[in-house]
Amino acid sequence: MELRVGNKYRLGRKIGSGSFGDIYLGTNISTGEEVAIKLECIKTRHPQLHIESKFYKMMQGGVGIPTIKWCGSEGDYNVLVMELLGPSLEDLFNFCSRRFSLKTVLLLADQLISRIDYIHSRNFIHRDIKPDNFLMGLGKKGNLVYIIDFGLAKKYRDGRTHQHIPYRENKNLTGTARYA
């Protein structure tokens, strides 16, 4: 039986996991375009996908922000359909025997700083910065670094006044411990 999402996408094989859901390869039934489909069980104790989709929508138009194709629910799942991307920086680092040339590091660092700066310029912090959350584009965008996984993103300053939202003491660690 063929699994469909949003009556427009065919669900394929699992290609990864995010902070709050699994990611599958999908295909636009009418155009054949391949996409990434993130699924989260509706019954999960702390649903995050709808919140994450709002962050992606607020960030749309920025360089290195994946395009959102569709968001909604299908059966027992919350669904986010987005532009399909290539390997993560973690994958590439492992493929390169955990060594990048200085030139590669500098080219990547320039783009990583630009992605983070863009998010900060929109008054948000990502809160899960790590090599797994930076992916390369595909095809003509193969040299472009994308930032993904806004499941933990949070507003850090008021958009009108640019006043920093007060830091709260005694809060648990957020993000991935290895990179915190």
C-alpha atoms as a PDB file:
ATOM      1  CA  MET A   1       0.000   0.000   0.000  1.00  0.00           C
ATOM      2  CA  GLU A   2       1.300   3.445  -0.960  1.00  0.00           C
ATOM      3  CA  LEU A   3       1.501   5.927   1.913  1.00  0.00           C
ATOM      4  CA  ARG A   4       0.538   9.479   0.962  1.00  0.00           C
ATOM      5  CA  VAL A   5       1.015  12.754   2.792  1.00  0.00           C
ATOM      6  CA  GLY A   6      -1.109  15.827   2.145  1.00  0.00           C
ATOM      7  CA  ASN A   7      -2.610  14.034  -0.868  1.00  0.00           C
ATOM      8  CA  LYS A   8       0.425  15.287  -2.790  1.00  0.00           C
ATOM      9  CA  TYR A   9       3.476  13.359  -1.547  1.00  0.00           C
ATOM     10  CA  ARG A  10       4.411   9.665  -1.544  1.00  0.00           C
ATOM     11  CA  LEU A  11       6.271   8.520   1.579  1.00  0.00           C
ATOM     12  CA  GLY A  12       9.494   6.581   0.949  1.00  0.00           C
ATOM     13  CA  ARG A  13      12.299   5.128   3.065  1.00  0.00           C
ATOM     14  CA  LYS A  14      13.563   6.533   6.364  1.00  0.00           C
ATOM     15  CA  ILE A  15      16.611   8.764   5.836  1.00  0.00           C
ATOM     16  CA  GLY A  16      17.240  10.168   9.320  1.00  0.00           C
ATOM     17  CA  SER A  17      16.079  11.314  12.725  1.00  0.00           C
ATOM     18  CA  GLY A  18      15.699  14.826  14.114  1.00  0.00           C
ATOM     19  CA  SER A  19      15.375  15.978  17.698  1.00  0.00           C
ATOM     20  CA  PHE A  20      11.648  15.195  17.778  1.00  0.00           C
ATOM     21  CA  GLY A  21      10.832  12.948  14.827  1.00  0.00           C
ATOM     22  CA  ASP A  22      11.896  10.707  11.969  1.00  0.00           C
ATOM     23  CA  ILE A  23      12.679  11.948   8.461  1.00  0.00           C
ATOM     24  CA  TYR A  24      11.695  10.109   5.292  1.00  0.00           C
ATOM     25  CA  LEU A  25      12.423  10.497   1.616  1.00  0.00           C
ATOM     26  CA  GLY A  26       9.283  11.604  -0.187  1.00  0.00           C
ATOM     27  CA  THR A  27       8.197  12.287  -3.752  1.00  0.00           C
ATOM     28  CA  ASN A  28       5.814  14.910  -5.105  1.00  0.00           C
ATOM     29  CA  ILE A  29       3.305  12.693  -6.926  1.00  0.00           C
ATOM     30  CA  SER A  30       2.585  15.211  -9.710  1.00  0.00           C
ATOM     31  CA  THR A  31       6.122  16.520 -10.403  1.00  0.00           C
ATOM     32  CA  GLY A  32       8.404  13.678  -9.257  1.00  0.00           C
ATOM     33  CA  GLU A  33      10.406  16.141  -7.114  1.00  0.00           C
ATOM     34  CA  GLU A  34      12.087  14.458  -4.142  1.00  0.00           C
ATOM     35  CA  VAL A  35      11.469  16.015  -0.718  1.00  0.00           C
ATOM     36  CA  ALA A  36      12.189  15.330   2.950  1.00  0.00           C
ATOM     37  CA  ILE A  37       9.186  14.428   5.118  1.00  0.00           C
ATOM     38  CA  LYS A  38       9.471  14.777   8.893  1.00  0.00           C
ATOM     39  CA  LEU A  39       6.911  12.818  10.929  1.00  0.00           C
ATOM     40  CA  GLU A  40       6.010  13.169  14.600  1.00  0.00           C
ATOM     41  CA  CYS A  41       3.410  11.005  16.342  1.00  0.00           C
ATOM     42  CA  ILE A  42       0.373  13.114  17.283  1.00  0.00           C
ATOM     43  CA  LYS A  43       0.227  11.317  20.649  1.00  0.00           C
ATOM     44  CA  THR A  44       3.747  12.384  21.645  1.00  0.00           C
ATOM     45  CA  ARG A  45       3.863  13.970  25.122  1.00  0.00           C
ATOM     46  CA  HIS A  46       5.494  17.193  23.932  1.00  0.00           C
ATOM     47  CA  PRO A  47       4.606  17.846  20.283  1.00  0.00           C
ATOM     48  CA  GLN A  48       7.232  20.045  18.634  1.00  0.00           C
ATOM     49  CA  LEU A  49       6.764  19.744  14.863  1.00  0.00           C
ATOM     50  CA  HIS A  50       4.046  22.384  14.551  1.00  0.00           C
ATOM     51  CA  ILE A  51       6.189  24.815  16.579  1.00  0.00           C
ATOM     52  CA  GLU A  52       9.243  23.937  14.471  1.00  0.00           C
ATOM     53  CA  SER A  53       7.269  24.558  11.263  1.00  0.00           C
ATOM     54  CA  LYS A  54       6.413  28.065  12.515  1.00  0.00           C
ATOM     55  CA  PHE A  55      10.131  28.788  12.989  1.00  0.00           C
ATOM     56  CA  TYR A  56      10.919  27.569   9.470  1.00  0.00           C
ATOM     57  CA  LYS A  57       8.149  29.789   8.095  1.00  0.00           C
ATOM     58  CA  MET A  58       9.497  32.823  10.005  1.00  0.00           C
ATOM     59  CA  MET A  59      12.966  32.130   8.607  1.00  0.00           C
ATOM     60  CA  GLN A  60      11.839  31.537   4.981  1.00  0.00           C
ATOM     61  CA  GLY A  61      13.707  33.569   2.403  1.00  0.00           C
ATOM     62  CA  GLY A  62      17.033  33.417   4.206  1.00  0.00           C
ATOM     63  CA  VAL A  63      20.005  31.871   2.413  1.00  0.00           C
ATOM     64  CA  GLY A  64      20.543  28.316   3.657  1.00  0.00           C
ATOM     65  CA  ILE A  65      17.061  27.944   5.165  1.00  0.00           C
ATOM     66  CA  PRO A  66      15.236  24.915   3.679  1.00  0.00           C
ATOM     67  CA  THR A  67      12.028  25.645   1.784  1.00  0.00           C
ATOM     68  CA  ILE A  68       8.853  24.365   3.469  1.00  0.00           C
ATOM     69  CA  LYS A  69       6.530  22.650   0.995  1.00  0.00           C
ATOM     70  CA  TRP A  70       3.641  21.564   3.244  1.00  0.00           C
ATOM     71  CA  CYS A  71       2.757  21.250   6.916  1.00  0.00           C
ATOM     72  CA  GLY A  72      -0.220  19.576   8.554  1.00  0.00           C
ATOM     73  CA  SER A  73      -1.363  16.272   9.987  1.00  0.00           C
ATOM     74  CA  GLU A  74      -1.969  12.937   8.328  1.00  0.00           C
ATOM     75  CA  GLY A  75      -3.517  10.057  10.261  1.00  0.00           C
ATOM     76  CA  ASP A  76      -1.617   9.647  13.535  1.00  0.00           C
ATOM     77  CA  TYR A  77       1.205  12.019  12.553  1.00  0.00           C
ATOM     78  CA  ASN A  78       2.111  15.680  12.442  1.00  0.00           C
ATOM     79  CA  VAL A  79       3.926  16.217   9.142  1.00  0.00           C
ATOM     80  CA  LEU A  80       6.469  18.704   7.785  1.00  0.00           C
ATOM     81  CA  VAL A  81       7.435  18.443   4.093  1.00  0.00           C
ATOM     82  CA  MET A  82      10.553  20.338   3.101  1.00  0.00           C
ATOM     83  CA  GLU A  83      13.260  20.695   0.494  1.00  0.00           C
ATOM     84  CA  LEU A  84      15.495  17.599   0.278  1.00  0.00           C
ATOM     85  CA  LEU A  85      19.088  18.293   1.276  1.00  0.00           C
ATOM     86  CA  GLY A  86      22.397  16.445   1.064  1.00  0.00           C
ATOM     87  CA  PRO A  87      24.781  15.109   3.702  1.00  0.00           C
ATOM     88  CA  SER A  88      25.412  16.771   7.058  1.00  0.00           C
ATOM     89  CA  LEU A  89      28.755  18.286   8.001  1.00  0.00           C
ATOM     90  CA  GLU A  90      29.130  15.401  10.461  1.00  0.00           C
ATOM     91  CA  ASP A  91      28.681  12.910   7.582  1.00  0.00           C
ATOM     92  CA  LEU A  92      31.192  14.782   5.397  1.00  0.00           C
ATOM     93  CA  PHE A  93      33.711  15.078   8.240  1.00  0.00           C
ATOM     94  CA  ASN A  94      33.533  11.310   8.793  1.00  0.00           C
ATOM     95  CA  PHE A  95      33.789  10.678   5.022  1.00  0.00           C
ATOM     96  CA  CYS A  96      36.978  12.805   5.007  1.00  0.00           C
ATOM     97  CA  SER A  97      38.541  10.737   7.840  1.00  0.00           C
ATOM     98  CA  ARG A  98      37.643  13.501  10.307  1.00  0.00           C
ATOM     99  CA  ARG A  99      40.023  15.979   8.623  1.00  0.00           C
ATOM    100  CA  PHE A 100      39.099  19.085   6.638  1.00  0.00           C
ATOM    101  CA  SER A 101      41.665  21.302   4.930  1.00  0.00           C
ATOM    102  CA  LEU A 102      42.096  24.846   6.236  1.00  0.00           C
ATOM    103  CA  LYS A 103      40.421  26.138   3.053  1.00  0.00           C
ATOM    104  CA  THR A 104      37.369  23.913   3.652  1.00  0.00           C
ATOM    105  CA  VAL A 105      37.150  24.970   7.316  1.00  0.00           C
ATOM    106  CA  LEU A 106      37.266  28.658   6.347  1.00  0.00           C
ATOM    107  CA  LEU A 107      34.687  28.283   3.555  1.00  0.00           C
ATOM    108  CA  LEU A 108      32.347  26.380   5.887  1.00  0.00           C
ATOM    109  CA  ALA A 109      32.901  28.728   8.845  1.00  0.00           C
ATOM    110  CA  ASP A 110      31.940  31.735   6.710  1.00  0.00           C
ATOM    111  CA  GLN A 111      28.616  30.109   5.814  1.00  0.00           C
ATOM    112  CA  LEU A 112      27.950  28.751   9.325  1.00  0.00           C
ATOM    113  CA  ILE A 113      28.434  32.193  10.841  1.00  0.00           C
ATOM    114  CA  SER A 114      26.134  33.691   8.177  1.00  0.00           C
ATOM    115  CA  ARG A 115      23.362  31.164   8.963  1.00  0.00           C
ATOM    116  CA  ILE A 116      23.577  31.784  12.710  1.00  0.00           C
ATOM    117  CA  ASP A 117      23.762  35.555  12.178  1.00  0.00           C
ATOM    118  CA  TYR A 118      20.612  35.433  10.027  1.00  0.00           C
ATOM    119  CA  ILE A 119      18.691  33.534  12.735  1.00  0.00           C
ATOM    120  CA  HIS A 120      19.886  36.010  15.378  1.00  0.00           C
ATOM    121  CA  SER A 121      18.869  38.935  13.135  1.00  0.00           C
ATOM    122  CA  ARG A 122      15.332  37.501  13.247  1.00  0.00           C
ATOM    123  CA  ASN A 123      15.485  37.607  17.092  1.00  0.00           C
ATOM    124  CA  PHE A 124      15.912  33.855  17.633  1.00  0.00           C
ATOM    125  CA  ILE A 125      18.570  31.452  18.860  1.00  0.00           C
ATOM    126  CA  HIS A 126      18.828  27.904  17.493  1.00  0.00           C
ATOM    127  CA  ARG A 127      19.930  26.135  20.721  1.00  0.00           C
ATOM    128  CA  ASP A 128      21.151  22.945  19.025  1.00  0.00           C
ATOM    129  CA  ILE A 129      24.166  24.004  16.961  1.00  0.00           C
ATOM    130  CA  LYS A 130      26.147  20.917  15.919  1.00  0.00           C
ATOM    131  CA  PRO A 131      27.582  19.411  12.702  1.00  0.00           C
ATOM    132  CA  ASP A 132      24.520  17.138  12.294  1.00  0.00           C
ATOM    133  CA  ASN A 133      22.279  20.217  11.947  1.00  0.00           C
ATOM    134  CA  PHE A 134      24.173  21.748   9.027  1.00  0.00           C
ATOM    135  CA  LEU A 135      23.477  20.052   5.696  1.00  0.00           C
ATOM    136  CA  MET A 136      24.818  20.650   2.216  1.00  0.00           C
ATOM    137  CA  GLY A 137      22.451  21.427  -0.631  1.00  0.00           C
ATOM    138  CA  LEU A 138      21.980  19.230  -3.693  1.00  0.00           C
ATOM    139  CA  GLY A 139      22.687  19.772  -7.390  1.00  0.00           C
ATOM    140  CA  LYS A 140      23.288  23.436  -8.245  1.00  0.00           C
ATOM    141  CA  LYS A 141      23.131  24.224  -4.513  1.00  0.00           C
ATOM    142  CA  GLY A 142      25.729  21.583  -3.616  1.00  0.00           C
ATOM    143  CA  ASN A 143      28.151  24.152  -2.155  1.00  0.00           C
ATOM    144  CA  LEU A 144      25.512  25.877  -0.033  1.00  0.00           C
ATOM    145  CA  VAL A 145      25.303  25.094   3.703  1.00  0.00           C
ATOM    146  CA  TYR A 146      21.793  24.850   5.184  1.00  0.00           C
ATOM    147  CA  ILE A 147      20.804  24.950   8.844  1.00  0.00           C
ATOM    148  CA  ILE A 148      18.066  22.567  10.003  1.00  0.00           C
ATOM    149  CA  ASP A 149      16.207  21.327  13.074  1.00  0.00           C
ATOM    150  CA  PHE A 150      14.543  24.316  14.736  1.00  0.00           C
ATOM    151  CA  GLY A 151      12.823  22.086  17.310  1.00  0.00           C
ATOM    152  CA  LEU A 152      14.607  23.837  20.196  1.00  0.00           C
ATOM    153  CA  ALA A 153      14.776  27.377  18.748  1.00  0.00           C
ATOM    154  CA  LYS A 154      13.665  30.222  20.985  1.00  0.00           C
ATOM    155  CA  LYS A 155      13.136  33.975  20.830  1.00  0.00           C
ATOM    156  CA  TYR A 156      15.979  35.773  22.612  1.00  0.00           C
ATOM    157  CA  ARG A 157      15.042  39.425  22.134  1.00  0.00           C
ATOM    158  CA  ASP A 158      11.972  41.567  21.573  1.00  0.00           C
ATOM    159  CA  GLY A 159      11.503  42.255  17.862  1.00  0.00           C
ATOM    160  CA  ARG A 160      10.381  45.874  18.353  1.00  0.00           C
ATOM    161  CA  THR A 161      12.679  47.111  21.106  1.00  0.00           C
ATOM    162  CA  HIS A 162      15.582  44.684  20.531  1.00  0.00           C
ATOM    163  CA  GLN A 163      15.704  44.293  24.325  1.00  0.00           C
ATOM    164  CA  HIS A 164      17.240  40.979  25.338  1.00  0.00           C
ATOM    165  CA  ILE A 165      14.724  38.624  26.972  1.00  0.00           C
ATOM    166  CA  PRO A 166      16.047  38.001  30.521  1.00  0.00           C
ATOM    167  CA  TYR A 167      18.152  34.898  31.070  1.00  0.00           C
ATOM    168  CA  ARG A 168      16.529  32.445  33.481  1.00  0.00           C
ATOM    169  CA  GLU A 169      18.672  30.771  36.121  1.00  0.00           C
ATOM    170  CA  ASN A 170      18.261  27.155  37.257  1.00  0.00           C
ATOM    171  CA  LYS A 171      17.113  25.873  33.851  1.00  0.00           C
ATOM    172  CA  ASN A 172      18.164  22.466  32.563  1.00  0.00           C
ATOM    173  CA  LEU A 173      20.636  22.088  29.703  1.00  0.00           C
ATOM    174  CA  THR A 174      19.032  22.445  26.281  1.00  0.00           C
ATOM    175  CA  GLY A 175      20.460  20.954  23.094  1.00  0.00           C
ATOM    176  CA  THR A 176      23.030  18.219  22.649  1.00  0.00           C
ATOM    177  CA  ALA A 177      25.276  17.807  25.715  1.00  0.00           C
ATOM    178  CA  ARG A 178      28.377  17.049  23.630  1.00  0.00           C
ATOM    179  CA  TYR A 179      28.146  20.475  21.974  1.00  0.00           C
ATOM    180  CA  ALA A 180      26.720  22.574  24.826  1.00  0.00           C
END
